[in-house]
PDB file of all heavy atoms in Angstrom:
ATOM      1  N   LYS A   1    -115.137 112.768-104.013  1.00  0.00           N
ATOM      2  CA  LYS A   1    -114.867 113.420-105.291  1.00  0.00           C
ATOM      3  C   LYS A   1    -113.391 113.730-105.475  1.00  0.00           C
ATOM      4  O   LYS A   1    -112.846 113.622-106.577  1.00  0.00           O
ATOM      5  CB  LYS A   1    -115.692 114.709-105.391  1.00  0.00           C
ATOM      6  CG  LYS A   1    -115.642 115.375-106.751  1.00  0.00           C
ATOM      7  CD  LYS A   1    -116.576 116.562-106.803  1.00  0.00           C
ATOM      8  CE  LYS A   1    -116.549 117.208-108.186  1.00  0.00           C
ATOM      9  NZ  LYS A   1    -117.484 118.369-108.267  1.00  0.00           N
ATOM     10  N   ASN A   2    -112.707 114.112-104.390  1.00  0.00           N
ATOM     11  CA  ASN A   2    -111.290 114.458-104.500  1.00  0.00           C
ATOM     12  C   ASN A   2    -110.361 113.275-104.258  1.00  0.00           C
ATOM     13  O   ASN A   2    -109.145 113.427-104.196  1.00  0.00           O
ATOM     14  CB  ASN A   2    -110.944 115.606-103.542  1.00  0.00           C
ATOM     15  CG  ASN A   2    -111.153 115.234-102.074  1.00  0.00           C
ATOM     16  OD1 ASN A   2    -111.496 114.092-101.751  1.00  0.00           O
ATOM     17  ND2 ASN A   2    -110.954 116.194-101.192  1.00  0.00           N
ATOM     18  N   ARG A   3    -110.952 112.084-104.096  1.00  0.00           N
ATOM     19  CA  ARG A   3    -110.182 110.849-103.903  1.00  0.00           C
ATOM     20  C   ARG A   3    -109.296 110.891-102.667  1.00  0.00           C
ATOM     21  O   ARG A   3    -108.192 110.340-102.643  1.00  0.00           O
ATOM     22  CB  ARG A   3    -109.345 110.528-105.151  1.00  0.00           C
ATOM     23  CG  ARG A   3    -110.167 110.276-106.394  1.00  0.00           C
ATOM     24  CD  ARG A   3    -111.196 109.203-106.162  1.00  0.00           C
ATOM     25  NE  ARG A   3    -112.074 108.989-107.310  1.00  0.00           N
ATOM     26  CZ  ARG A   3    -113.190 108.266-107.283  1.00  0.00           C
ATOM     27  NH1 ARG A   3    -113.558 107.688-106.142  1.00  0.00           N
ATOM     28  NH2 ARG A   3    -113.932 108.099-108.357  1.00  0.00           N
ATOM     29  N   LYS A   4    -109.800 111.548-101.641  1.00  0.00           N
ATOM     30  CA  LYS A   4    -109.101 111.579-100.358  1.00  0.00           C
ATOM     31  C   LYS A   4    -110.084 111.181 -99.264  1.00  0.00           C
ATOM     32  O   LYS A   4    -111.274 111.473 -99.359  1.00  0.00           O
ATOM     33  CB  LYS A   4    -108.553 112.978-100.066  1.00  0.00           C
ATOM     34  CG  LYS A   4    -107.488 113.460-101.042  1.00  0.00           C
ATOM     35  CD  LYS A   4    -107.026 114.859-100.671  1.00  0.00           C
ATOM     36  CE  LYS A   4    -105.969 115.368-101.653  1.00  0.00           C
ATOM     37  NZ  LYS A   4    -105.526 116.747-101.304  1.00  0.00           N
ATOM     38  N   ASP A   5    -109.571 110.502 -98.227  1.00  0.00           N
ATOM     39  CA  ASP A   5    -110.436 110.177 -97.099  1.00  0.00           C
ATOM     40  C   ASP A   5    -111.004 111.462 -96.507  1.00  0.00           C
ATOM     41  O   ASP A   5    -110.302 112.478 -96.404  1.00  0.00           O
ATOM     42  CB  ASP A   5    -109.650 109.435 -96.013  1.00  0.00           C
ATOM     43  CG  ASP A   5    -109.373 107.986 -96.377  1.00  0.00           C
ATOM     44  OD1 ASP A   5    -109.835 107.552 -97.447  1.00  0.00           O
ATOM     45  OD2 ASP A   5    -108.696 107.301 -95.589  1.00  0.00           O
ATOM     46  N   ALA A   6    -112.271 111.406 -96.124  1.00  0.00           N
ATOM     47  CA  ALA A   6    -112.914 112.573 -95.516  1.00  0.00           C
ATOM     48  C   ALA A   6    -113.351 112.222 -94.103  1.00  0.00           C
ATOM     49  O   ALA A   6    -114.067 111.244 -93.899  1.00  0.00           O
ATOM     50  CB  ALA A   6    -114.115 113.005 -96.347  1.00  0.00           C
ATOM     51  N   ARG A   7    -112.882 113.004 -93.129  1.00  0.00           N
ATOM     52  CA  ARG A   7    -113.328 112.832 -91.737  1.00  0.00           C
ATOM     53  C   ARG A   7    -114.238 114.006 -91.417  1.00  0.00           C
ATOM     54  O   ARG A   7    -113.796 115.153 -91.344  1.00  0.00           O
ATOM     55  CB  ARG A   7    -112.150 112.790 -90.774  1.00  0.00           C
ATOM     56  CG  ARG A   7    -112.606 112.714 -89.315  1.00  0.00           C
ATOM     57  CD  ARG A   7    -111.448 112.778 -88.335  1.00  0.00           C
ATOM     58  NE  ARG A   7    -110.660 111.550 -88.336  1.00  0.00           N
ATOM     59  CZ  ARG A   7    -109.868 111.182 -87.325  1.00  0.00           C
ATOM     60  NH1 ARG A   7    -109.778 111.943 -86.239  1.00  0.00           N
ATOM     61  NH2 ARG A   7    -109.168 110.069 -87.400  1.00  0.00           N
ATOM     62  N   GLN A   8    -115.521 113.714 -91.229  1.00  0.00           N
ATOM     63  CA  GLN A   8    -116.509 114.755 -90.980  1.00  0.00           C
ATOM     64  C   GLN A   8    -117.096 114.584 -89.575  1.00  0.00           C
ATOM     65  O   GLN A   8    -117.656 113.534 -89.251  1.00  0.00           O
ATOM     66  CB  GLN A   8    -117.630 114.674 -92.017  1.00  0.00           C
ATOM     67  CG  GLN A   8    -117.150 114.714 -93.472  1.00  0.00           C
ATOM     68  CD  GLN A   8    -116.419 115.984 -93.836  1.00  0.00           C
ATOM     69  OE1 GLN A   8    -115.195 116.015 -93.837  1.00  0.00           O
ATOM     70  NE2 GLN A   8    -117.162 117.039 -94.109  1.00  0.00           N
ATOM     71  N   TYR A   9    -116.977 115.619 -88.759  1.00  0.00           N
ATOM     72  CA  TYR A   9    -117.446 115.564 -87.380  1.00  0.00           C
ATOM     73  C   TYR A   9    -118.951 115.846 -87.308  1.00  0.00           C
ATOM     74  O   TYR A   9    -119.492 116.606 -88.117  1.00  0.00           O
ATOM     75  CB  TYR A   9    -116.681 116.569 -86.516  1.00  0.00           C
ATOM     76  CG  TYR A   9    -115.236 116.181 -86.332  1.00  0.00           C
ATOM     77  CD1 TYR A   9    -114.247 116.699 -87.168  1.00  0.00           C
ATOM     78  CD2 TYR A   9    -114.859 115.276 -85.345  1.00  0.00           C
ATOM     79  CE1 TYR A   9    -112.924 116.327 -87.022  1.00  0.00           C
ATOM     80  CE2 TYR A   9    -113.539 114.904 -85.183  1.00  0.00           C
ATOM     81  CZ  TYR A   9    -112.572 115.424 -86.028  1.00  0.00           C
ATOM     82  OH  TYR A   9    -111.259 115.038 -85.886  1.00  0.00           O
ATOM     83  N   ILE A  10    -119.608 115.216 -86.348  1.00  0.00           N
ATOM     84  CA  ILE A  10    -121.046 115.383 -86.170  1.00  0.00           C
ATOM     85  C   ILE A  10    -121.348 115.691 -84.712  1.00  0.00           C
ATOM     86  O   ILE A  10    -120.500 115.482 -83.836  1.00  0.00           O
ATOM     87  CB  ILE A  10    -121.830 114.126 -86.606  1.00  0.00           C
ATOM     88  CG1 ILE A  10    -121.376 112.905 -85.797  1.00  0.00           C
ATOM     89  CG2 ILE A  10    -121.674 113.882 -88.098  1.00  0.00           C
ATOM     90  CD1 ILE A  10    -122.179 111.642 -86.079  1.00  0.00           C
ATOM     91  N   LEU A  11    -122.549 116.179 -84.450  1.00  0.00           N
ATOM     92  CA  LEU A  11    -122.953 116.500 -83.086  1.00  0.00           C
ATOM     93  C   LEU A  11    -123.314 115.228 -82.321  1.00  0.00           C
ATOM     94  O   LEU A  11    -123.691 114.216 -82.902  1.00  0.00           O
ATOM     95  CB  LEU A  11    -124.144 117.458 -83.108  1.00  0.00           C
ATOM     96  CG  LEU A  11    -123.883 118.828 -83.765  1.00  0.00           C
ATOM     97  CD1 LEU A  11    -125.156 119.660 -83.760  1.00  0.00           C
ATOM     98  CD2 LEU A  11    -122.756 119.567 -83.051  1.00  0.00           C
ATOM     99  N   ARG A  12    -123.223 115.310 -81.005  1.00  0.00           N
ATOM    100  CA  ARG A  12    -123.452 114.146 -80.160  1.00  0.00           C
ATOM    101  C   ARG A  12    -124.861 113.584 -80.305  1.00  0.00           C
ATOM    102  O   ARG A  12    -125.055 112.376 -80.312  1.00  0.00           O
ATOM    103  CB  ARG A  12    -123.166 114.517 -78.700  1.00  0.00           C
ATOM    104  CG  ARG A  12    -123.540 113.470 -77.665  1.00  0.00           C
ATOM    105  CD  ARG A  12    -122.858 112.129 -77.924  1.00  0.00           C
ATOM    106  NE  ARG A  12    -121.409 112.236 -77.871  1.00  0.00           N
ATOM    107  CZ  ARG A  12    -120.592 111.243 -78.209  1.00  0.00           C
ATOM    108  NH1 ARG A  12    -121.100 110.092 -78.639  1.00  0.00           N
ATOM    109  NH2 ARG A  12    -119.275 111.398 -78.136  1.00  0.00           N
ATOM    110  N   ASP A  13    -125.878 114.458 -80.446  1.00  0.00           N
ATOM    111  CA  ASP A  13    -127.244 113.936 -80.540  1.00  0.00           C
ATOM    112  C   ASP A  13    -127.439 113.105 -81.799  1.00  0.00           C
ATOM    113  O   ASP A  13    -128.115 112.076 -81.784  1.00  0.00           O
ATOM    114  CB  ASP A  13    -128.272 115.070 -80.466  1.00  0.00           C
ATOM    115  CG  ASP A  13    -128.149 116.053 -81.620  1.00  0.00           C
ATOM    116  OD1 ASP A  13    -127.071 116.143 -82.225  1.00  0.00           O
ATOM    117  OD2 ASP A  13    -129.150 116.739 -81.927  1.00  0.00           O
ATOM    118  N   LEU A  14    -126.821 113.530 -82.906  1.00  0.00           N
ATOM    119  CA  LEU A  14    -126.896 112.742 -84.138  1.00  0.00           C
ATOM    120  C   LEU A  14    -126.145 111.430 -83.964  1.00  0.00           C
ATOM    121  O   LEU A  14    -126.611 110.371 -84.408  1.00  0.00           O
ATOM    122  CB  LEU A  14    -126.327 113.526 -85.315  1.00  0.00           C
ATOM    123  CG  LEU A  14    -126.230 112.769 -86.646  1.00  0.00           C
ATOM    124  CD1 LEU A  14    -127.586 112.223 -87.077  1.00  0.00           C
ATOM    125  CD2 LEU A  14    -125.649 113.678 -87.737  1.00  0.00           C
ATOM    126  N   ALA A  15    -124.997 111.471 -83.312  1.00  0.00           N
ATOM    127  CA  ALA A  15    -124.220 110.250 -83.065  1.00  0.00           C
ATOM    128  C   ALA A  15    -125.036 109.245 -82.265  1.00  0.00           C
ATOM    129  O   ALA A  15    -125.040 108.037 -82.569  1.00  0.00           O
ATOM    130  CB  ALA A  15    -122.925 110.597 -82.331  1.00  0.00           C
ATOM    131  N   ASP A  16    -125.751 109.719 -81.263  1.00  0.00           N
ATOM    132  CA  ASP A  16    -126.576 108.824 -80.441  1.00  0.00           C
ATOM    133  C   ASP A  16    -127.690 108.195 -81.265  1.00  0.00           C
ATOM    134  O   ASP A  16    -127.984 106.992 -81.134  1.00  0.00           O
ATOM    135  CB  ASP A  16    -127.170 109.595 -79.260  1.00  0.00           C
ATOM    136  CG  ASP A  16    -126.111 110.022 -78.248  1.00  0.00           C
ATOM    137  OD1 ASP A  16    -125.009 109.447 -78.264  1.00  0.00           O
ATOM    138  OD2 ASP A  16    -126.402 110.934 -77.445  1.00  0.00           O
ATOM    139  N   ASP A  17    -128.308 108.990 -82.132  1.00  0.00           N
ATOM    140  CA  ASP A  17    -129.392 108.465 -82.974  1.00  0.00           C
ATOM    141  C   ASP A  17    -128.862 107.461 -83.993  1.00  0.00           C
ATOM    142  O   ASP A  17    -129.506 106.445 -84.282  1.00  0.00           O
ATOM    143  CB  ASP A  17    -130.105 109.617 -83.694  1.00  0.00           C
ATOM    144  CG  ASP A  17    -130.915 110.491 -82.744  1.00  0.00           C
ATOM    145  OD1 ASP A  17    -131.246 110.011 -81.648  1.00  0.00           O
ATOM    146  OD2 ASP A  17    -131.208 111.643 -83.114  1.00  0.00           O
ATOM    147  N   LEU A  18    -127.679 107.733 -84.546  1.00  0.00           N
ATOM    148  CA  LEU A  18    -127.081 106.797 -85.499  1.00  0.00           C
ATOM    149  C   LEU A  18    -126.685 105.503 -84.811  1.00  0.00           C
ATOM    150  O   LEU A  18    -126.739 104.420 -85.416  1.00  0.00           O
ATOM    151  CB  LEU A  18    -125.857 107.438 -86.166  1.00  0.00           C
ATOM    152  CG  LEU A  18    -126.137 108.545 -87.183  1.00  0.00           C
ATOM    153  CD1 LEU A  18    -124.841 109.205 -87.639  1.00  0.00           C
ATOM    154  CD2 LEU A  18    -126.895 107.990 -88.403  1.00  0.00           C
ATOM    155  N   HIS A  19    -126.305 105.594 -83.550  1.00  0.00           N
ATOM    156  CA  HIS A  19    -125.959 104.412 -82.761  1.00  0.00           C
ATOM    157  C   HIS A  19    -127.147 103.451 -82.730  1.00  0.00           C
ATOM    158  O   HIS A  19    -126.995 102.234 -82.898  1.00  0.00           O
ATOM    159  CB  HIS A  19    -125.590 104.826 -81.334  1.00  0.00           C
ATOM    160  CG  HIS A  19    -124.317 104.220 -80.844  1.00  0.00           C
ATOM    161  ND1 HIS A  19    -124.039 102.871 -80.921  1.00  0.00           N
ATOM    162  CD2 HIS A  19    -123.210 104.784 -80.272  1.00  0.00           C
ATOM    163  CE1 HIS A  19    -122.858 102.633 -80.422  1.00  0.00           C
ATOM    164  NE2 HIS A  19    -122.320 103.778 -80.025  1.00  0.00           N
ATOM    165  N   VAL A  20    -128.311 104.000 -82.518  1.00  0.00           N
ATOM    166  CA  VAL A  20    -129.528 103.184 -82.467  1.00  0.00           C
ATOM    167  C   VAL A  20    -129.816 102.590 -83.846  1.00  0.00           C
ATOM    168  O   VAL A  20    -130.180 101.418 -83.975  1.00  0.00           O
ATOM    169  CB  VAL A  20    -130.726 104.031 -81.995  1.00  0.00           C
ATOM    170  CG1 VAL A  20    -132.014 103.218 -82.054  1.00  0.00           C
ATOM    171  CG2 VAL A  20    -130.492 104.535 -80.577  1.00  0.00           C
ATOM    172  N   LEU A  21    -129.640 103.396 -84.891  1.00  0.00           N
ATOM    173  CA  LEU A  21    -129.937 102.944 -86.251  1.00  0.00           C
ATOM    174  C   LEU A  21    -129.083 101.756 -86.666  1.00  0.00           C
ATOM    175  O   LEU A  21    -129.578 100.805 -87.288  1.00  0.00           O
ATOM    176  CB  LEU A  21    -129.729 104.096 -87.233  1.00  0.00           C
ATOM    177  CG  LEU A  21    -129.924 103.771 -88.722  1.00  0.00           C
ATOM    178  CD1 LEU A  21    -131.383 103.427 -89.013  1.00  0.00           C
ATOM    179  CD2 LEU A  21    -129.471 104.939 -89.590  1.00  0.00           C
ATOM    180  N   ILE A  22    -127.797 101.772 -86.320  1.00  0.00           N
ATOM    181  CA  ILE A  22    -126.882 100.729 -86.801  1.00  0.00           C
ATOM    182  C   ILE A  22    -126.721  99.571 -85.811  1.00  0.00           C
ATOM    183  O   ILE A  22    -125.954  98.641 -86.075  1.00  0.00           O
ATOM    184  CB  ILE A  22    -125.495 101.319 -87.112  1.00  0.00           C
ATOM    185  CG1 ILE A  22    -124.822 101.812 -85.818  1.00  0.00           C
ATOM    186  CG2 ILE A  22    -125.591 102.433 -88.145  1.00  0.00           C
ATOM    187  CD1 ILE A  22    -123.371 102.231 -85.999  1.00  0.00           C
ATOM    188  N   ALA A  23    -127.440  99.615 -84.705  1.00  0.00           N
ATOM    189  CA  ALA A  23    -127.252  98.615 -83.636  1.00  0.00           C
ATOM    190  C   ALA A  23    -127.365  97.181 -84.139  1.00  0.00           C
ATOM    191  O   ALA A  23    -126.640  96.297 -83.670  1.00  0.00           O
ATOM    192  CB  ALA A  23    -128.257  98.876 -82.517  1.00  0.00           C
ATOM    193  N   THR A  24    -128.246  96.933 -85.081  1.00  0.00           N
ATOM    194  CA  THR A  24    -128.466  95.566 -85.557  1.00  0.00           C
ATOM    195  C   THR A  24    -127.878  95.322 -86.946  1.00  0.00           C
ATOM    196  O   THR A  24    -128.137  94.288 -87.557  1.00  0.00           O
ATOM    197  CB  THR A  24    -129.972  95.261 -85.580  1.00  0.00           C
ATOM    198  OG1 THR A  24    -130.635  96.198 -86.439  1.00  0.00           O
ATOM    199  CG2 THR A  24    -130.564  95.350 -84.186  1.00  0.00           C
ATOM    200  N   LYS A  25    -127.108  96.274 -87.447  1.00  0.00           N
ATOM    201  CA  LYS A  25    -126.531  96.131 -88.786  1.00  0.00           C
ATOM    202  C   LYS A  25    -125.164  95.457 -88.737  1.00  0.00           C
ATOM    203  O   LYS A  25    -124.412  95.620 -87.776  1.00  0.00           O
ATOM    204  CB  LYS A  25    -126.407  97.505 -89.468  1.00  0.00           C
ATOM    205  CG  LYS A  25    -127.731  98.173 -89.814  1.00  0.00           C
ATOM    206  CD  LYS A  25    -127.488  99.530 -90.482  1.00  0.00           C
ATOM    207  CE  LYS A  25    -128.797 100.221 -90.855  1.00  0.00           C
ATOM    208  NZ  LYS A  25    -129.421  99.615 -92.035  1.00  0.00           N
ATOM    209  N   ALA A  26    -124.832  94.724 -89.780  1.00  0.00           N
ATOM    210  CA  ALA A  26    -123.506  94.110 -89.894  1.00  0.00           C
ATOM    211  C   ALA A  26    -122.473  95.208 -90.154  1.00  0.00           C
ATOM    212  O   ALA A  26    -122.813  96.262 -90.690  1.00  0.00           O
ATOM    213  CB  ALA A  26    -123.499  93.099 -91.039  1.00  0.00           C
ATOM    214  N   PRO A  27    -121.195  94.980 -89.781  1.00  0.00           N
ATOM    215  CA  PRO A  27    -120.160  96.011 -89.950  1.00  0.00           C
ATOM    216  C   PRO A  27    -120.044  96.570 -91.361  1.00  0.00           C
ATOM    217  O   PRO A  27    -119.740  97.745 -91.530  1.00  0.00           O
ATOM    218  CB  PRO A  27    -118.884  95.275 -89.541  1.00  0.00           C
ATOM    219  CG  PRO A  27    -119.348  94.240 -88.574  1.00  0.00           C
ATOM    220  CD  PRO A  27    -120.689  93.788 -89.109  1.00  0.00           C
ATOM    221  N   LYS A  28    -120.279  95.741 -92.372  1.00  0.00           N
ATOM    222  CA  LYS A  28    -120.137  96.208 -93.748  1.00  0.00           C
ATOM    223  C   LYS A  28    -121.464  96.583 -94.400  1.00  0.00           C
ATOM    224  O   LYS A  28    -121.500  96.923 -95.580  1.00  0.00           O
ATOM    225  CB  LYS A  28    -119.434  95.141 -94.591  1.00  0.00           C
ATOM    226  CG  LYS A  28    -117.988  94.887 -94.163  1.00  0.00           C
ATOM    227  CD  LYS A  28    -117.305  93.892 -95.089  1.00  0.00           C
ATOM    228  CE  LYS A  28    -115.849  93.678 -94.679  1.00  0.00           C
ATOM    229  NZ  LYS A  28    -115.157  92.704 -95.576  1.00  0.00           N
ATOM    230  N   ALA A  29    -122.525  96.538 -93.627  1.00  0.00           N
ATOM    231  CA  ALA A  29    -123.845  96.888 -94.162  1.00  0.00           C
ATOM    232  C   ALA A  29    -123.960  98.406 -94.320  1.00  0.00           C
ATOM    233  O   ALA A  29    -123.389  99.168 -93.537  1.00  0.00           O
ATOM    234  CB  ALA A  29    -124.935  96.388 -93.233  1.00  0.00           C
ATOM    235  N   PRO A  30    -124.684  98.883 -95.338  1.00  0.00           N
ATOM    236  CA  PRO A  30    -124.880 100.326 -95.513  1.00  0.00           C
ATOM    237  C   PRO A  30    -125.569 100.927 -94.297  1.00  0.00           C
ATOM    238  O   PRO A  30    -126.445 100.303 -93.702  1.00  0.00           O
ATOM    239  CB  PRO A  30    -125.765 100.416 -96.758  1.00  0.00           C
ATOM    240  CG  PRO A  30    -125.549  99.128 -97.482  1.00  0.00           C
ATOM    241  CD  PRO A  30    -125.329  98.103 -96.415  1.00  0.00           C
ATOM    242  N   VAL A  31    -125.156 102.121 -93.925  1.00  0.00           N
ATOM    243  CA  VAL A  31    -125.800 102.820 -92.811  1.00  0.00           C
ATOM    244  C   VAL A  31    -127.237 103.169 -93.180  1.00  0.00           C
ATOM    245  O   VAL A  31    -128.169 102.977 -92.398  1.00  0.00           O
ATOM    246  CB  VAL A  31    -125.024 104.097 -92.453  1.00  0.00           C
ATOM    247  CG1 VAL A  31    -125.804 104.930 -91.415  1.00  0.00           C
ATOM    248  CG2 VAL A  31    -123.643 103.752 -91.918  1.00  0.00           C
ATOM    249  N   PHE A  32    -127.412 103.669 -94.406  1.00  0.00           N
ATOM    250  CA  PHE A  32    -128.731 104.079 -94.874  1.00  0.00           C
ATOM    251  C   PHE A  32    -129.206 103.188 -96.014  1.00  0.00           C
ATOM    252  O   PHE A  32    -128.461 102.924 -96.961  1.00  0.00           O
ATOM    253  CB  PHE A  32    -128.699 105.533 -95.363  1.00  0.00           C
ATOM    254  CG  PHE A  32    -128.283 106.528 -94.313  1.00  0.00           C
ATOM    255  CD1 PHE A  32    -127.044 107.152 -94.386  1.00  0.00           C
ATOM    256  CD2 PHE A  32    -129.126 106.828 -93.255  1.00  0.00           C
ATOM    257  CE1 PHE A  32    -126.653 108.079 -93.424  1.00  0.00           C
ATOM    258  CE2 PHE A  32    -128.747 107.748 -92.282  1.00  0.00           C
ATOM    259  CZ  PHE A  32    -127.514 108.369 -92.365  1.00  0.00           C
ATOM    260  N   ASP A  33    -130.444 102.731 -95.913  1.00  0.00           N
ATOM    261  CA  ASP A  33    -131.034 101.936 -96.992  1.00  0.00           C
ATOM    262  C   ASP A  33    -131.642 102.890 -98.010  1.00  0.00           C
ATOM    263  O   ASP A  33    -132.860 103.093 -98.073  1.00  0.00           O
ATOM    264  CB  ASP A  33    -132.110 100.997 -96.424  1.00  0.00           C
ATOM    265  CG  ASP A  33    -131.511  99.951 -95.494  1.00  0.00           C
ATOM    266  OD1 ASP A  33    -130.399  99.475 -95.794  1.00  0.00           O
ATOM    267  OD2 ASP A  33    -132.148  99.617 -94.476  1.00  0.00           O
ATOM    268  N   LEU A  34    -130.774 103.495 -98.810  1.00  0.00           N
ATOM    269  CA  LEU A  34    -131.216 104.523 -99.745  1.00  0.00           C
ATOM    270  C   LEU A  34    -131.938 103.932-100.948  1.00  0.00           C
ATOM    271  O   LEU A  34    -131.585 102.853-101.435  1.00  0.00           O
ATOM    272  CB  LEU A  34    -130.019 105.338-100.234  1.00  0.00           C
ATOM    273  CG  LEU A  34    -129.256 106.145 -99.188  1.00  0.00           C
ATOM    274  CD1 LEU A  34    -128.123 106.920 -99.840  1.00  0.00           C
ATOM    275  CD2 LEU A  34    -130.183 107.102 -98.472  1.00  0.00           C
ATOM    276  N   PRO A  35    -132.935 104.655-101.455  1.00  0.00           N
ATOM    277  CA  PRO A  35    -133.610 104.219-102.679  1.00  0.00           C
ATOM    278  C   PRO A  35    -132.697 104.447-103.878  1.00  0.00           C
ATOM    279  O   PRO A  35    -131.590 105.000-103.744  1.00  0.00           O
ATOM    280  CB  PRO A  35    -134.840 105.129-102.737  1.00  0.00           C
ATOM    281  CG  PRO A  35    -134.413 106.371-102.022  1.00  0.00           C
ATOM    282  CD  PRO A  35    -133.514 105.883-100.910  1.00  0.00           C
ATOM    283  N   HIS A  36    -133.155 104.066-105.048  1.00  0.00           N
ATOM    284  CA  HIS A  36    -132.382 104.286-106.272  1.00  0.00           C
ATOM    285  C   HIS A  36    -132.089 105.773-106.415  1.00  0.00           C
ATOM    286  O   HIS A  36    -132.860 106.632-105.982  1.00  0.00           O
ATOM    287  CB  HIS A  36    -133.173 103.788-107.492  1.00  0.00           C
ATOM    288  CG  HIS A  36    -132.393 103.843-108.769  1.00  0.00           C
ATOM    289  ND1 HIS A  36    -132.363 104.957-109.579  1.00  0.00           N
ATOM    290  CD2 HIS A  36    -131.605 102.915-109.370  1.00  0.00           C
ATOM    291  CE1 HIS A  36    -131.600 104.720-110.629  1.00  0.00           C
ATOM    292  NE2 HIS A  36    -131.124 103.486-110.527  1.00  0.00           N
ATOM    293  N   GLU A  37    -130.952 106.088-107.032  1.00  0.00           N
ATOM    294  CA  GLU A  37    -130.515 107.475-107.189  1.00  0.00           C
ATOM    295  C   GLU A  37    -131.612 108.365-107.775  1.00  0.00           C
ATOM    296  O   GLU A  37    -131.767 109.519-107.374  1.00  0.00           O
ATOM    297  CB  GLU A  37    -129.274 107.517-108.101  1.00  0.00           C
ATOM    298  CG  GLU A  37    -128.599 108.872-108.175  1.00  0.00           C
ATOM    299  CD  GLU A  37    -127.891 109.266-106.896  1.00  0.00           C
ATOM    300  OE1 GLU A  37    -127.456 108.358-106.166  1.00  0.00           O
ATOM    301  OE2 GLU A  37    -127.771 110.479-106.634  1.00  0.00           O
ATOM    302  N   SER A  38    -132.366 107.828-108.719  1.00  0.00           N
ATOM    303  CA  SER A  38    -133.407 108.625-109.375  1.00  0.00           C
ATOM    304  C   SER A  38    -134.551 108.987-108.441  1.00  0.00           C
ATOM    305  O   SER A  38    -135.330 109.901-108.716  1.00  0.00           O
ATOM    306  CB  SER A  38    -133.962 107.869-110.593  1.00  0.00           C
ATOM    307  OG  SER A  38    -134.561 106.640-110.185  1.00  0.00           O
ATOM    308  N   ASN A  39    -134.665 108.275-107.304  1.00  0.00           N
ATOM    309  CA  ASN A  39    -135.767 108.533-106.374  1.00  0.00           C
ATOM    310  C   ASN A  39    -135.351 109.379-105.163  1.00  0.00           C
ATOM    311  O   ASN A  39    -136.210 109.766-104.365  1.00  0.00           O
ATOM    312  CB  ASN A  39    -136.357 107.212-105.869  1.00  0.00           C
ATOM    313  CG  ASN A  39    -137.187 106.524-106.932  1.00  0.00           C
ATOM    314  OD1 ASN A  39    -137.816 107.171-107.760  1.00  0.00           O
ATOM    315  ND2 ASN A  39    -137.182 105.194-106.925  1.00  0.00           N
ATOM    316  N   LEU A  40    -134.056 109.666-105.033  1.00  0.00           N
ATOM    317  CA  LEU A  40    -133.600 110.447-103.889  1.00  0.00           C
ATOM    318  C   LEU A  40    -134.212 111.846-103.886  1.00  0.00           C
ATOM    319  O   LEU A  40    -134.712 112.320-102.865  1.00  0.00           O
ATOM    320  CB  LEU A  40    -132.075 110.549-103.895  1.00  0.00           C
ATOM    321  CG  LEU A  40    -131.303 109.403-103.252  1.00  0.00           C
ATOM    322  CD1 LEU A  40    -129.805 109.606-103.441  1.00  0.00           C
ATOM    323  CD2 LEU A  40    -131.640 109.272-101.777  1.00  0.00           C
ATOM    324  N   ALA A  41    -134.158 112.508-105.034  1.00  0.00           N
ATOM    325  CA  ALA A  41    -134.728 113.857-105.121  1.00  0.00           C
ATOM    326  C   ALA A  41    -136.237 113.817-104.924  1.00  0.00           C
ATOM    327  O   ALA A  41    -136.806 114.691-104.258  1.00  0.00           O
ATOM    328  CB  ALA A  41    -134.382 114.490-106.464  1.00  0.00           C
TER     329      ALA A  41
END
Protein backbone atom coordinates (compact mmCIF):
# COMPACT_ATOMS: atom_id res chain seq x y z
CA LYS A 1 0.00 0.00 0.00
CA ASN A 2 2.83 2.42 0.79
CA ARG A 3 4.80 1.42 -2.33
CA LYS A 4 7.79 0.33 -0.31
CA ASP A 5 9.36 -3.10 0.01
CA ALA A 6 8.16 -4.84 3.16
CA ARG A 7 10.37 -7.30 5.07
CA GLN A 8 8.22 -9.22 7.54
CA TYR A 9 9.81 -11.71 9.93
CA ILE A 10 8.13 -15.02 10.77
CA LEU A 11 8.63 -17.76 13.34
CA ARG A 12 10.76 -20.79 12.55
CA ASP A 13 7.88 -23.29 12.71
CA LEU A 14 5.96 -21.35 10.06
CA ALA A 15 9.11 -21.11 7.93
CA ASP A 16 9.53 -24.89 8.10
CA ASP A 17 5.92 -25.47 7.07
CA LEU A 18 6.20 -23.00 4.19
CA HIS A 19 9.36 -24.79 3.08
CA VAL A 20 7.31 -27.94 2.58
CA LEU A 21 4.52 -26.04 0.80
CA ILE A 22 6.78 -24.45 -1.82
CA ALA A 23 9.12 -27.44 -2.31
CA THR A 24 7.63 -28.33 -5.69
CA LYS A 25 6.69 -24.82 -6.83
CA ALA A 26 8.51 -22.84 -9.51
CA PRO A 27 10.42 -19.73 -8.29
CA LYS A 28 7.83 -17.35 -9.74
CA ALA A 29 4.79 -19.42 -8.81
CA PRO A 30 2.40 -17.98 -6.18
CA VAL A 31 3.03 -19.27 -2.67
CA PHE A 32 -0.70 -19.58 -2.03
CA ASP A 33 -3.29 -20.75 -4.55
CA LEU A 34 -5.84 -18.21 -3.39
CA PRO A 35 -9.44 -18.24 -4.59
CA HIS A 36 -11.02 -15.20 -6.23
CA GLU A 37 -11.01 -12.09 -4.03
CA SER A 38 -14.78 -12.34 -3.55
CA ASN A 39 -14.40 -15.83 -2.03
CA LEU A 40 -11.61 -15.06 0.45
CA ALA A 41 -13.98 -13.77 3.13
